[in-house]
PDB file of all heavy atoms in Angstrom:
ATOM      1  N   THR A   1      28.913 166.276  94.606  1.00  0.00           N
ATOM      2  CA  THR A   1      27.756 166.139  95.492  1.00  0.00           C
ATOM      3  C   THR A   1      28.250 166.209  96.941  1.00  0.00           C
ATOM      4  O   THR A   1      29.431 166.448  97.175  1.00  0.00           O
ATOM      5  CB  THR A   1      27.068 164.755  95.237  1.00  0.00           C
ATOM      6  OG1 THR A   1      27.999 163.713  95.500  1.00  0.00           O
ATOM      7  CG2 THR A   1      26.539 164.654  93.843  1.00  0.00           C
ATOM      8  N   SER A   2      27.359 165.973  97.867  1.00  0.00           N
ATOM      9  CA  SER A   2      27.755 165.949  99.295  1.00  0.00           C
ATOM     10  C   SER A   2      27.253 164.685  99.934  1.00  0.00           C
ATOM     11  O   SER A   2      26.367 164.004  99.405  1.00  0.00           O
ATOM     12  CB  SER A   2      27.205 167.198  99.996  1.00  0.00           C
ATOM     13  OG  SER A   2      25.849 167.040 100.283  1.00  0.00           O
ATOM     14  N   LEU A   3      27.803 164.382 101.104  1.00  0.00           N
ATOM     15  CA  LEU A   3      27.360 163.200 101.854  1.00  0.00           C
ATOM     16  C   LEU A   3      25.877 163.289 102.190  1.00  0.00           C
ATOM     17  O   LEU A   3      25.189 162.269 102.268  1.00  0.00           O
ATOM     18  CB  LEU A   3      28.168 163.067 103.140  1.00  0.00           C
ATOM     19  CG  LEU A   3      29.605 162.639 103.003  1.00  0.00           C
ATOM     20  CD1 LEU A   3      30.319 162.730 104.346  1.00  0.00           C
ATOM     21  CD2 LEU A   3      29.684 161.220 102.463  1.00  0.00           C
ATOM     22  N   ALA A   4      25.368 164.492 102.347  1.00  0.00           N
ATOM     23  CA  ALA A   4      23.956 164.674 102.707  1.00  0.00           C
ATOM     24  C   ALA A   4      23.032 164.237 101.560  1.00  0.00           C
ATOM     25  O   ALA A   4      21.832 164.025 101.815  1.00  0.00           O
ATOM     26  CB  ALA A   4      23.687 166.116 103.100  1.00  0.00           C
ATOM     27  N   ASP A   5      23.578 164.095 100.364  1.00  0.00           N
ATOM     28  CA  ASP A   5      22.756 163.643  99.229  1.00  0.00           C
ATOM     29  C   ASP A   5      22.419 162.138  99.298  1.00  0.00           C
ATOM     30  O   ASP A   5      21.593 161.695  98.527  1.00  0.00           O
ATOM     31  CB  ASP A   5      23.492 163.928  97.901  1.00  0.00           C
ATOM     32  CG  ASP A   5      23.628 165.431  97.631  1.00  0.00           C
ATOM     33  OD1 ASP A   5      22.836 166.202  98.216  1.00  0.00           O
ATOM     34  OD2 ASP A   5      24.528 165.801  96.881  1.00  0.00           O
ATOM     35  N   TYR A   6      23.050 161.429 100.170  1.00  0.00           N
ATOM     36  CA  TYR A   6      22.896 159.981 100.234  1.00  0.00           C
ATOM     37  C   TYR A   6      22.375 159.554 101.602  1.00  0.00           C
ATOM     38  O   TYR A   6      22.733 160.103 102.643  1.00  0.00           O
ATOM     39  CB  TYR A   6      24.220 159.244  99.989  1.00  0.00           C
ATOM     40  CG  TYR A   6      24.788 159.547  98.606  1.00  0.00           C
ATOM     41  CD1 TYR A   6      25.826 160.438  98.445  1.00  0.00           C
ATOM     42  CD2 TYR A   6      24.268 158.915  97.480  1.00  0.00           C
ATOM     43  CE1 TYR A   6      26.331 160.714  97.174  1.00  0.00           C
ATOM     44  CE2 TYR A   6      24.752 159.181  96.218  1.00  0.00           C
ATOM     45  CZ  TYR A   6      25.791 160.075  96.081  1.00  0.00           C
ATOM     46  OH  TYR A   6      26.287 160.333  94.809  1.00  0.00           O
ATOM     47  N   ASN A   7      21.531 158.531 101.593  1.00  0.00           N
ATOM     48  CA  ASN A   7      21.131 157.838 102.812  1.00  0.00           C
ATOM     49  C   ASN A   7      21.998 156.568 102.885  1.00  0.00           C
ATOM     50  O   ASN A   7      21.965 155.766 101.963  1.00  0.00           O
ATOM     51  CB  ASN A   7      19.661 157.446 102.778  1.00  0.00           C
ATOM     52  CG  ASN A   7      18.732 158.632 102.755  1.00  0.00           C
ATOM     53  OD1 ASN A   7      19.001 159.629 103.437  1.00  0.00           O
ATOM     54  ND2 ASN A   7      17.698 158.559 101.972  1.00  0.00           N
ATOM     55  N   LEU A   8      22.761 156.454 103.978  1.00  0.00           N
ATOM     56  CA  LEU A   8      23.720 155.347 104.077  1.00  0.00           C
ATOM     57  C   LEU A   8      23.217 154.295 105.052  1.00  0.00           C
ATOM     58  O   LEU A   8      22.775 154.660 106.163  1.00  0.00           O
ATOM     59  CB  LEU A   8      25.081 155.900 104.531  1.00  0.00           C
ATOM     60  CG  LEU A   8      25.640 157.005 103.639  1.00  0.00           C
ATOM     61  CD1 LEU A   8      26.874 157.628 104.228  1.00  0.00           C
ATOM     62  CD2 LEU A   8      25.939 156.447 102.239  1.00  0.00           C
ATOM     63  N   TYR A   9      23.264 153.029 104.624  1.00  0.00           N
ATOM     64  CA  TYR A   9      22.730 151.932 105.431  1.00  0.00           C
ATOM     65  C   TYR A   9      23.773 150.831 105.564  1.00  0.00           C
ATOM     66  O   TYR A   9      24.629 150.694 104.670  1.00  0.00           O
ATOM     67  CB  TYR A   9      21.476 151.341 104.783  1.00  0.00           C
ATOM     68  CG  TYR A   9      20.309 152.291 104.791  1.00  0.00           C
ATOM     69  CD1 TYR A   9      20.096 153.170 103.734  1.00  0.00           C
ATOM     70  CD2 TYR A   9      19.408 152.300 105.841  1.00  0.00           C
ATOM     71  CE1 TYR A   9      19.014 154.047 103.750  1.00  0.00           C
ATOM     72  CE2 TYR A   9      18.311 153.137 105.834  1.00  0.00           C
ATOM     73  CZ  TYR A   9      18.121 154.006 104.782  1.00  0.00           C
ATOM     74  OH  TYR A   9      17.067 154.854 104.788  1.00  0.00           O
ATOM     75  N   VAL A  10      23.654 150.063 106.607  1.00  0.00           N
ATOM     76  CA  VAL A  10      24.517 148.895 106.833  1.00  0.00           C
ATOM     77  C   VAL A  10      23.643 147.643 106.798  1.00  0.00           C
ATOM     78  O   VAL A  10      22.563 147.632 107.417  1.00  0.00           O
ATOM     79  CB  VAL A  10      25.276 148.982 108.166  1.00  0.00           C
ATOM     80  CG1 VAL A  10      26.060 147.732 108.424  1.00  0.00           C
ATOM     81  CG2 VAL A  10      26.176 150.219 108.191  1.00  0.00           C
ATOM     82  N   LEU A  11      24.088 146.631 106.093  1.00  0.00           N
ATOM     83  CA  LEU A  11      23.383 145.363 106.027  1.00  0.00           C
ATOM     84  C   LEU A  11      24.186 144.353 106.841  1.00  0.00           C
ATOM     85  O   LEU A  11      25.390 144.140 106.536  1.00  0.00           O
ATOM     86  CB  LEU A  11      23.274 144.866 104.608  1.00  0.00           C
ATOM     87  CG  LEU A  11      22.224 145.534 103.722  1.00  0.00           C
ATOM     88  CD1 LEU A  11      22.378 145.077 102.296  1.00  0.00           C
ATOM     89  CD2 LEU A  11      20.845 145.205 104.229  1.00  0.00           C
ATOM     90  N   GLU A  12      23.560 143.729 107.797  1.00  0.00           N
ATOM     91  CA  GLU A  12      24.213 142.689 108.550  1.00  0.00           C
ATOM     92  C   GLU A  12      24.114 141.400 107.749  1.00  0.00           C
ATOM     93  O   GLU A  12      23.010 140.963 107.478  1.00  0.00           O
ATOM     94  CB  GLU A  12      23.595 142.509 109.929  1.00  0.00           C
ATOM     95  CG  GLU A  12      23.654 143.767 110.800  1.00  0.00           C
ATOM     96  CD  GLU A  12      25.051 144.158 111.218  1.00  0.00           C
ATOM     97  OE1 GLU A  12      25.981 143.316 111.182  1.00  0.00           O
ATOM     98  OE2 GLU A  12      25.225 145.345 111.593  1.00  0.00           O
ATOM     99  N   GLY A  13      25.236 140.783 107.424  1.00  0.00           N
ATOM    100  CA  GLY A  13      25.222 139.498 106.683  1.00  0.00           C
ATOM    101  C   GLY A  13      24.962 138.353 107.615  1.00  0.00           C
ATOM    102  O   GLY A  13      25.056 138.459 108.836  1.00  0.00           O
ATOM    103  N   ALA A  14      24.639 137.189 107.004  1.00  0.00           N
ATOM    104  CA  ALA A  14      24.345 135.999 107.810  1.00  0.00           C
ATOM    105  C   ALA A  14      25.552 135.608 108.653  1.00  0.00           C
ATOM    106  O   ALA A  14      25.430 135.229 109.809  1.00  0.00           O
ATOM    107  CB  ALA A  14      23.916 134.859 106.924  1.00  0.00           C
ATOM    108  N   ASP A  15      26.740 135.672 108.057  1.00  0.00           N
ATOM    109  CA  ASP A  15      27.965 135.282 108.765  1.00  0.00           C
ATOM    110  C   ASP A  15      28.868 136.464 109.043  1.00  0.00           C
ATOM    111  O   ASP A  15      29.948 136.298 109.581  1.00  0.00           O
ATOM    112  CB  ASP A  15      28.701 134.177 108.022  1.00  0.00           C
ATOM    113  CG  ASP A  15      29.123 134.627 106.619  1.00  0.00           C
ATOM    114  OD1 ASP A  15      28.871 135.809 106.275  1.00  0.00           O
ATOM    115  OD2 ASP A  15      29.682 133.816 105.886  1.00  0.00           O
ATOM    116  N   GLY A  16      28.465 137.675 108.648  1.00  0.00           N
ATOM    117  CA  GLY A  16      29.300 138.847 108.896  1.00  0.00           C
ATOM    118  C   GLY A  16      30.448 138.973 107.939  1.00  0.00           C
ATOM    119  O   GLY A  16      31.254 139.908 108.038  1.00  0.00           O
ATOM    120  N   LYS A  17      30.601 138.051 106.985  1.00  0.00           N
ATOM    121  CA  LYS A  17      31.729 138.107 106.047  1.00  0.00           C
ATOM    122  C   LYS A  17      31.314 138.421 104.633  1.00  0.00           C
ATOM    123  O   LYS A  17      32.123 138.441 103.729  1.00  0.00           O
ATOM    124  CB  LYS A  17      32.507 136.811 106.106  1.00  0.00           C
ATOM    125  CG  LYS A  17      33.139 136.592 107.460  1.00  0.00           C
ATOM    126  CD  LYS A  17      34.053 135.460 107.459  1.00  0.00           C
ATOM    127  CE  LYS A  17      34.546 135.279 108.908  1.00  0.00           C
ATOM    128  NZ  LYS A  17      35.776 134.638 109.028  1.00  0.00           N
ATOM    129  N   ASP A  18      30.012 138.663 104.404  1.00  0.00           N
ATOM    130  CA  ASP A  18      29.506 139.014 103.086  1.00  0.00           C
ATOM    131  C   ASP A  18      30.037 140.419 102.751  1.00  0.00           C
ATOM    132  O   ASP A  18      29.785 141.368 103.449  1.00  0.00           O
ATOM    133  CB  ASP A  18      27.980 139.008 103.102  1.00  0.00           C
ATOM    134  CG  ASP A  18      27.397 139.318 101.752  1.00  0.00           C
ATOM    135  OD1 ASP A  18      28.057 139.070 100.738  1.00  0.00           O
ATOM    136  OD2 ASP A  18      26.257 139.820 101.723  1.00  0.00           O
ATOM    137  N   CYS A  19      30.859 140.476 101.712  1.00  0.00           N
ATOM    138  CA  CYS A  19      31.540 141.741 101.374  1.00  0.00           C
ATOM    139  C   CYS A  19      30.870 142.305 100.108  1.00  0.00           C
ATOM    140  O   CYS A  19      31.196 141.882  99.001  1.00  0.00           O
ATOM    141  CB  CYS A  19      33.015 141.433 101.121  1.00  0.00           C
ATOM    142  SG  CYS A  19      33.998 142.871 101.078  1.00  0.00           S
ATOM    143  N   ASN A  20      29.933 143.242 100.315  1.00  0.00           N
ATOM    144  CA  ASN A  20      29.162 143.726  99.178  1.00  0.00           C
ATOM    145  C   ASN A  20      28.625 145.107  99.488  1.00  0.00           C
ATOM    146  O   ASN A  20      28.632 145.568 100.633  1.00  0.00           O
ATOM    147  CB  ASN A  20      27.995 142.746  98.898  1.00  0.00           C
ATOM    148  CG  ASN A  20      27.552 142.773  97.453  1.00  0.00           C
ATOM    149  OD1 ASN A  20      27.956 143.631  96.688  1.00  0.00           O
ATOM    150  ND2 ASN A  20      26.700 141.837  97.101  1.00  0.00           N
ATOM    151  N   ALA A  21      28.079 145.740  98.461  1.00  0.00           N
ATOM    152  CA  ALA A  21      27.402 147.028  98.592  1.00  0.00           C
ATOM    153  C   ALA A  21      26.362 147.117  97.486  1.00  0.00           C
ATOM    154  O   ALA A  21      26.457 146.378  96.496  1.00  0.00           O
ATOM    155  CB  ALA A  21      28.391 148.178  98.498  1.00  0.00           C
ATOM    156  N   ALA A  22      25.380 147.995  97.690  1.00  0.00           N
ATOM    157  CA  ALA A  22      24.346 148.124  96.681  1.00  0.00           C
ATOM    158  C   ALA A  22      23.773 149.533  96.737  1.00  0.00           C
ATOM    159  O   ALA A  22      23.766 150.185  97.795  1.00  0.00           O
ATOM    160  CB  ALA A  22      23.230 147.096  96.931  1.00  0.00           C
ATOM    161  N   ALA A  23      23.272 150.004  95.595  1.00  0.00           N
ATOM    162  CA  ALA A  23      22.555 151.254  95.543  1.00  0.00           C
ATOM    163  C   ALA A  23      21.114 150.887  95.349  1.00  0.00           C
ATOM    164  O   ALA A  23      20.773 149.929  94.658  1.00  0.00           O
ATOM    165  CB  ALA A  23      23.073 152.103  94.352  1.00  0.00           C
ATOM    166  N   PHE A  24      20.208 151.683  95.984  1.00  0.00           N
ATOM    167  CA  PHE A  24      18.800 151.336  95.971  1.00  0.00           C
ATOM    168  C   PHE A  24      17.976 152.581  95.983  1.00  0.00           C
ATOM    169  O   PHE A  24      18.213 153.498  96.805  1.00  0.00           O
ATOM    170  CB  PHE A  24      18.499 150.462  97.181  1.00  0.00           C
ATOM    171  CG  PHE A  24      17.100 149.917  97.214  1.00  0.00           C
ATOM    172  CD1 PHE A  24      16.776 148.797  96.451  1.00  0.00           C
ATOM    173  CD2 PHE A  24      16.125 150.541  97.939  1.00  0.00           C
ATOM    174  CE1 PHE A  24      15.485 148.305  96.474  1.00  0.00           C
ATOM    175  CE2 PHE A  24      14.828 150.045  97.968  1.00  0.00           C
ATOM    176  CZ  PHE A  24      14.530 148.930  97.238  1.00  0.00           C
ATOM    177  N   GLY A  25      17.012 152.682  95.089  1.00  0.00           N
ATOM    178  CA  GLY A  25      16.065 153.772  95.106  1.00  0.00           C
ATOM    179  C   GLY A  25      16.678 155.117  94.681  1.00  0.00           C
ATOM    180  O   GLY A  25      17.593 155.186  93.876  1.00  0.00           O
ATOM    181  N   GLU A  26      16.132 156.172  95.250  1.00  0.00           N
ATOM    182  CA  GLU A  26      16.539 157.521  94.886  1.00  0.00           C
ATOM    183  C   GLU A  26      17.947 157.868  95.267  1.00  0.00           C
ATOM    184  O   GLU A  26      18.676 158.461  94.495  1.00  0.00           O
ATOM    185  CB  GLU A  26      15.586 158.540  95.489  1.00  0.00           C
ATOM    186  CG  GLU A  26      14.159 158.491  94.960  1.00  0.00           C
ATOM    187  CD  GLU A  26      14.074 158.883  93.519  1.00  0.00           C
ATOM    188  OE1 GLU A  26      14.702 159.857  93.136  1.00  0.00           O
ATOM    189  OE2 GLU A  26      13.334 158.202  92.793  1.00  0.00           O
ATOM    190  N   ASN A  27      18.339 157.540  96.522  1.00  0.00           N
ATOM    191  CA  ASN A  27      19.657 157.955  97.003  1.00  0.00           C
ATOM    192  C   ASN A  27      20.170 157.085  98.155  1.00  0.00           C
ATOM    193  O   ASN A  27      20.828 157.597  99.033  1.00  0.00           O
ATOM    194  CB  ASN A  27      19.593 159.410  97.444  1.00  0.00           C
ATOM    195  CG  ASN A  27      18.582 159.687  98.528  1.00  0.00           C
ATOM    196  OD1 ASN A  27      17.801 158.823  98.859  1.00  0.00           O
ATOM    197  ND2 ASN A  27      18.620 160.850  99.100  1.00  0.00           N
ATOM    198  N   ASN A  28      19.836 155.838  98.155  1.00  0.00           N
ATOM    199  CA  ASN A  28      20.202 154.944  99.248  1.00  0.00           C
ATOM    200  C   ASN A  28      21.392 154.072  98.828  1.00  0.00           C
ATOM    201  O   ASN A  28      21.382 153.459  97.780  1.00  0.00           O
ATOM    202  CB  ASN A  28      19.043 154.048  99.600  1.00  0.00           C
ATOM    203  CG  ASN A  28      17.817 154.834  99.981  1.00  0.00           C
ATOM    204  OD1 ASN A  28      17.832 155.617 100.895  1.00  0.00           O
ATOM    205  ND2 ASN A  28      16.751 154.621  99.247  1.00  0.00           N
ATOM    206  N   ILE A  29      22.400 154.033  99.697  1.00  0.00           N
ATOM    207  CA  ILE A  29      23.544 153.132  99.494  1.00  0.00           C
ATOM    208  C   ILE A  29      23.643 152.231 100.682  1.00  0.00           C
ATOM    209  O   ILE A  29      23.635 152.668 101.815  1.00  0.00           O
ATOM    210  CB  ILE A  29      24.880 153.933  99.299  1.00  0.00           C
ATOM    211  CG1 ILE A  29      24.797 154.774  98.014  1.00  0.00           C
ATOM    212  CG2 ILE A  29      26.047 152.969  99.235  1.00  0.00           C
ATOM    213  CD1 ILE A  29      26.053 155.589  97.726  1.00  0.00           C
ATOM    214  N   LEU A  30      23.706 150.939 100.409  1.00  0.00           N
ATOM    215  CA  LEU A  30      23.798 149.895 101.442  1.00  0.00           C
ATOM    216  C   LEU A  30      25.171 149.291 101.376  1.00  0.00           C
ATOM    217  O   LEU A  30      25.652 148.952 100.303  1.00  0.00           O
ATOM    218  CB  LEU A  30      22.746 148.829 101.186  1.00  0.00           C
ATOM    219  CG  LEU A  30      21.263 149.224 101.235  1.00  0.00           C
ATOM    220  CD1 LEU A  30      20.856 149.814  99.896  1.00  0.00           C
ATOM    221  CD2 LEU A  30      20.437 148.035 101.531  1.00  0.00           C
TER     222      LEU A  30
END
């Protein structure tokens, strides 16, 4: 695949130390 296939998002954590990622919907990666 290519990078263009994904919508990339950043989640700001409450304390900035939450170390996580998630996939959501058709092509979203947080």
